């Protein structure tokens, strides 16, 4: 199980642009980051879980594409999001 509903709701409220916003790039990046952190911890314990590792790589790629999009559209918001989520900037 990746994120429980309470954690998802908290992340959505923190990064949403307005009430009920779940589709903005900021919210999607934050949710993906939560799942990536969870899977990273899972893979530290379960080293041979290769299917989860492939899923993790897909999530990282998806987050990378969303970050690239956000960077091109709204650079100041991009900087806020990567600072808040502790994501490295190339």
N, C-alpha and C. Protein backbone atom coordinates (compact mmCIF):
# COMPACT_ATOMS: atom_id res chain seq x y z
N UNK A 1 0.84 -1.18 0.00
CA UNK A 1 0.00 0.00 0.00
C UNK A 1 0.88 1.24 0.00
N UNK A 2 0.65 2.12 -0.94
CA UNK A 2 1.53 3.27 -1.10
C UNK A 2 1.23 4.36 -0.06
N UNK A 3 0.16 5.05 -0.20
CA UNK A 3 -0.20 6.13 0.72
C UNK A 3 -1.63 5.91 1.20
N UNK A 4 -1.85 6.06 2.50
CA UNK A 4 -3.22 5.95 2.99
C UNK A 4 -3.98 7.23 2.66
N UNK A 5 -5.28 7.19 2.80
CA UNK A 5 -6.11 8.32 2.37
C UNK A 5 -5.84 9.58 3.18
N UNK A 6 -5.49 9.43 4.45
CA UNK A 6 -5.21 10.61 5.27
C UNK A 6 -3.94 11.31 4.78
N UNK A 7 -2.91 10.54 4.43
CA UNK A 7 -1.67 11.13 3.93
C UNK A 7 -1.91 11.81 2.58
N UNK A 8 -2.68 11.15 1.72
CA UNK A 8 -3.00 11.75 0.41
C UNK A 8 -3.75 13.06 0.59
N UNK A 9 -4.73 13.07 1.48
CA UNK A 9 -5.53 14.27 1.71
C UNK A 9 -4.66 15.41 2.23
N UNK A 10 -3.75 15.10 3.13
CA UNK A 10 -2.86 16.11 3.69
C UNK A 10 -1.96 16.70 2.60
N UNK A 11 -1.41 15.85 1.74
CA UNK A 11 -0.55 16.33 0.65
C UNK A 11 -1.35 17.19 -0.31
N UNK A 12 -2.56 16.76 -0.64
CA UNK A 12 -3.39 17.52 -1.58
C UNK A 12 -3.73 18.89 -1.01
N UNK A 13 -4.09 18.95 0.27
CA UNK A 13 -4.42 20.23 0.89
C UNK A 13 -3.22 21.17 0.93
N UNK A 14 -2.04 20.61 1.12
CA UNK A 14 -0.84 21.42 1.23
C UNK A 14 -0.43 22.05 -0.11
N UNK A 15 -0.60 21.31 -1.21
CA UNK A 15 -0.09 21.77 -2.50
C UNK A 15 -1.17 22.22 -3.48
N UNK A 16 -2.44 22.11 -3.11
CA UNK A 16 -3.52 22.47 -4.03
C UNK A 16 -3.56 23.98 -4.27
N UNK A 17 -3.91 24.35 -5.47
CA UNK A 17 -4.05 25.76 -5.82
C UNK A 17 -5.34 26.34 -5.25
N UNK A 18 -6.39 25.52 -5.27
CA UNK A 18 -7.69 25.92 -4.75
C UNK A 18 -8.37 24.69 -4.16
N UNK A 19 -9.52 24.86 -3.58
CA UNK A 19 -10.25 23.75 -2.96
C UNK A 19 -10.62 22.70 -4.01
N UNK A 20 -10.32 21.45 -3.73
CA UNK A 20 -10.67 20.36 -4.63
C UNK A 20 -9.71 20.15 -5.78
N UNK A 21 -8.56 20.80 -5.76
CA UNK A 21 -7.59 20.69 -6.83
C UNK A 21 -6.74 19.44 -6.61
N UNK A 22 -6.85 18.49 -7.54
CA UNK A 22 -6.03 17.28 -7.45
C UNK A 22 -5.21 17.05 -8.71
N UNK A 23 -5.41 17.87 -9.72
CA UNK A 23 -4.77 17.62 -11.01
C UNK A 23 -3.64 18.56 -11.36
N UNK A 24 -3.40 19.57 -10.54
CA UNK A 24 -2.33 20.50 -10.86
C UNK A 24 -0.98 19.79 -10.76
N UNK A 25 0.00 20.25 -11.52
CA UNK A 25 1.31 19.60 -11.49
C UNK A 25 1.93 19.55 -10.10
N UNK A 26 1.69 20.59 -9.29
CA UNK A 26 2.27 20.62 -7.95
C UNK A 26 1.75 19.47 -7.10
N UNK A 27 0.45 19.23 -7.17
CA UNK A 27 -0.16 18.15 -6.39
C UNK A 27 0.31 16.80 -6.90
N UNK A 28 0.35 16.64 -8.22
CA UNK A 28 0.79 15.37 -8.79
C UNK A 28 2.23 15.07 -8.42
N UNK A 29 3.09 16.08 -8.46
CA UNK A 29 4.50 15.89 -8.10
C UNK A 29 4.63 15.51 -6.63
N UNK A 30 3.85 16.16 -5.78
CA UNK A 30 3.91 15.86 -4.35
C UNK A 30 3.43 14.44 -4.06
N UNK A 31 2.36 14.01 -4.71
CA UNK A 31 1.86 12.65 -4.51
C UNK A 31 2.85 11.62 -5.03
N UNK A 32 3.44 11.88 -6.18
CA UNK A 32 4.44 10.96 -6.71
C UNK A 32 5.66 10.89 -5.79
N UNK A 33 6.05 12.01 -5.22
CA UNK A 33 7.18 12.02 -4.30
C UNK A 33 6.89 11.17 -3.07
N UNK A 34 5.68 11.26 -2.56
CA UNK A 34 5.30 10.42 -1.42
C UNK A 34 5.39 8.95 -1.75
N UNK A 35 4.91 8.56 -2.93
CA UNK A 35 4.99 7.16 -3.34
C UNK A 35 6.43 6.74 -3.57
N UNK A 36 7.25 7.62 -4.12
CA UNK A 36 8.66 7.31 -4.37
C UNK A 36 9.39 7.08 -3.06
N UNK A 37 9.14 7.92 -2.08
CA UNK A 37 9.78 7.75 -0.76
C UNK A 37 9.37 6.43 -0.14
N UNK A 38 8.08 6.11 -0.23
CA UNK A 38 7.59 4.85 0.33
C UNK A 38 8.26 3.65 -0.35
N UNK A 39 8.30 3.67 -1.68
CA UNK A 39 8.91 2.55 -2.40
C UNK A 39 10.40 2.44 -2.15
N UNK A 40 11.07 3.56 -1.99
CA UNK A 40 12.50 3.54 -1.69
C UNK A 40 12.76 2.85 -0.36
N UNK A 41 11.96 3.17 0.63
CA UNK A 41 12.11 2.51 1.93
C UNK A 41 11.78 1.02 1.83
N UNK A 42 10.76 0.69 1.05
CA UNK A 42 10.38 -0.70 0.86
C UNK A 42 11.52 -1.49 0.21
N UNK A 43 12.18 -0.88 -0.77
CA UNK A 43 13.24 -1.58 -1.49
C UNK A 43 14.52 -1.70 -0.67
N UNK A 44 14.69 -0.88 0.34
CA UNK A 44 15.84 -1.06 1.23
C UNK A 44 15.71 -2.34 2.04
N UNK A 45 14.47 -2.70 2.35
CA UNK A 45 14.21 -3.92 3.12
C UNK A 45 14.11 -5.13 2.19
N UNK A 46 13.39 -4.98 1.08
CA UNK A 46 13.13 -6.07 0.14
C UNK A 46 13.98 -5.87 -1.11
N UNK A 47 15.23 -6.25 -1.03
CA UNK A 47 16.20 -5.97 -2.08
C UNK A 47 15.86 -6.70 -3.38
N UNK A 48 15.27 -7.87 -3.31
CA UNK A 48 15.02 -8.68 -4.50
C UNK A 48 13.67 -8.42 -5.15
N UNK A 49 12.96 -7.41 -4.72
CA UNK A 49 11.64 -7.08 -5.28
C UNK A 49 11.83 -6.25 -6.56
N UNK A 50 12.06 -6.95 -7.65
CA UNK A 50 12.38 -6.26 -8.90
C UNK A 50 11.17 -5.60 -9.55
N UNK A 51 9.99 -6.15 -9.35
CA UNK A 51 8.81 -5.53 -9.95
C UNK A 51 8.53 -4.16 -9.31
N UNK A 52 8.74 -4.06 -8.01
CA UNK A 52 8.57 -2.76 -7.35
C UNK A 52 9.65 -1.78 -7.80
N UNK A 53 10.84 -2.29 -8.07
CA UNK A 53 11.92 -1.42 -8.55
C UNK A 53 11.56 -0.82 -9.91
N UNK A 54 10.97 -1.65 -10.79
CA UNK A 54 10.55 -1.13 -12.09
C UNK A 54 9.44 -0.09 -11.94
N UNK A 55 8.51 -0.35 -11.02
CA UNK A 55 7.47 0.63 -10.75
C UNK A 55 8.03 1.93 -10.23
N UNK A 56 9.05 1.83 -9.38
CA UNK A 56 9.71 3.02 -8.85
C UNK A 56 10.34 3.83 -9.98
N UNK A 57 10.99 3.15 -10.91
CA UNK A 57 11.62 3.86 -12.03
C UNK A 57 10.57 4.56 -12.90
N UNK A 58 9.41 3.94 -13.08
CA UNK A 58 8.34 4.59 -13.84
C UNK A 58 7.84 5.84 -13.12
N UNK A 59 7.69 5.75 -11.81
CA UNK A 59 7.24 6.90 -11.03
C UNK A 59 8.24 8.04 -11.10
N UNK A 60 9.52 7.72 -11.02
CA UNK A 60 10.56 8.75 -11.09
C UNK A 60 10.53 9.43 -12.45
N UNK A 61 10.35 8.66 -13.51
CA UNK A 61 10.27 9.24 -14.85
C UNK A 61 9.06 10.14 -15.01
N UNK A 62 7.94 9.71 -14.47
CA UNK A 62 6.72 10.52 -14.55
C UNK A 62 6.90 11.83 -13.79
N UNK A 63 7.50 11.75 -12.60
CA UNK A 63 7.74 12.96 -11.81
C UNK A 63 8.71 13.89 -12.53
N UNK A 64 9.70 13.31 -13.19
CA UNK A 64 10.67 14.12 -13.93
C UNK A 64 10.00 14.89 -15.06
N UNK A 65 9.08 14.23 -15.77
CA UNK A 65 8.35 14.91 -16.85
C UNK A 65 7.48 16.03 -16.30
N UNK A 66 6.80 15.78 -15.18
CA UNK A 66 5.96 16.82 -14.58
C UNK A 66 6.80 18.00 -14.09
N UNK A 67 7.97 17.72 -13.52
CA UNK A 67 8.86 18.80 -13.07
C UNK A 67 9.34 19.63 -14.25
N UNK A 68 9.65 18.97 -15.35
CA UNK A 68 10.09 19.69 -16.55
C UNK A 68 8.98 20.60 -17.07
N UNK A 69 7.75 20.09 -17.06
CA UNK A 69 6.61 20.88 -17.49
C UNK A 69 6.41 22.09 -16.59
N UNK A 70 6.44 21.85 -15.27
CA UNK A 70 6.23 22.94 -14.32
C UNK A 70 7.34 23.98 -14.44
N UNK A 71 8.56 23.53 -14.68
CA UNK A 71 9.69 24.45 -14.81
C UNK A 71 9.50 25.36 -16.03
N UNK A 72 8.96 24.82 -17.11
CA UNK A 72 8.77 25.63 -18.32
C UNK A 72 7.58 26.58 -18.19
N UNK A 73 6.57 26.21 -17.40
CA UNK A 73 5.37 27.04 -17.30
C UNK A 73 5.43 28.07 -16.18
N UNK A 74 5.96 27.67 -15.01
CA UNK A 74 5.95 28.56 -13.84
C UNK A 74 7.20 28.28 -13.01
N UNK A 75 8.28 28.99 -13.31
CA UNK A 75 9.56 28.69 -12.69
C UNK A 75 9.57 28.97 -11.19
N UNK A 76 8.88 30.01 -10.75
CA UNK A 76 8.87 30.32 -9.31
C UNK A 76 8.15 29.22 -8.53
N UNK A 77 7.05 28.73 -9.06
CA UNK A 77 6.32 27.64 -8.40
C UNK A 77 7.17 26.36 -8.40
N UNK A 78 7.90 26.14 -9.48
CA UNK A 78 8.82 25.00 -9.58
C UNK A 78 9.85 25.05 -8.46
N UNK A 79 10.44 26.22 -8.24
CA UNK A 79 11.44 26.36 -7.19
C UNK A 79 10.84 26.11 -5.81
N UNK A 80 9.62 26.60 -5.58
CA UNK A 80 8.96 26.37 -4.30
C UNK A 80 8.70 24.88 -4.06
N UNK A 81 8.25 24.19 -5.10
CA UNK A 81 7.91 22.77 -4.96
C UNK A 81 9.16 21.94 -4.68
N UNK A 82 10.25 22.17 -5.42
CA UNK A 82 11.44 21.34 -5.20
C UNK A 82 12.08 21.65 -3.85
N UNK A 83 11.93 22.88 -3.40
CA UNK A 83 12.47 23.21 -2.07
C UNK A 83 11.64 22.54 -0.98
N UNK A 84 10.33 22.57 -1.12
CA UNK A 84 9.44 21.98 -0.13
C UNK A 84 9.57 20.46 -0.05
N UNK A 85 9.79 19.82 -1.21
CA UNK A 85 9.87 18.36 -1.25
C UNK A 85 11.29 17.82 -1.18
N UNK A 86 12.27 18.70 -1.08
CA UNK A 86 13.69 18.31 -1.03
C UNK A 86 14.09 17.48 -2.24
N UNK A 87 13.76 17.99 -3.42
CA UNK A 87 14.14 17.35 -4.68
C UNK A 87 15.32 18.12 -5.25
N UNK A 88 16.31 17.38 -5.72
CA UNK A 88 17.48 18.04 -6.30
C UNK A 88 17.15 18.63 -7.66
N UNK A 89 17.75 19.76 -7.95
CA UNK A 89 17.58 20.43 -9.25
C UNK A 89 18.86 20.25 -10.03
N UNK A 90 18.69 19.90 -11.30
CA UNK A 90 19.90 19.72 -12.13
C UNK A 90 20.47 21.01 -12.49
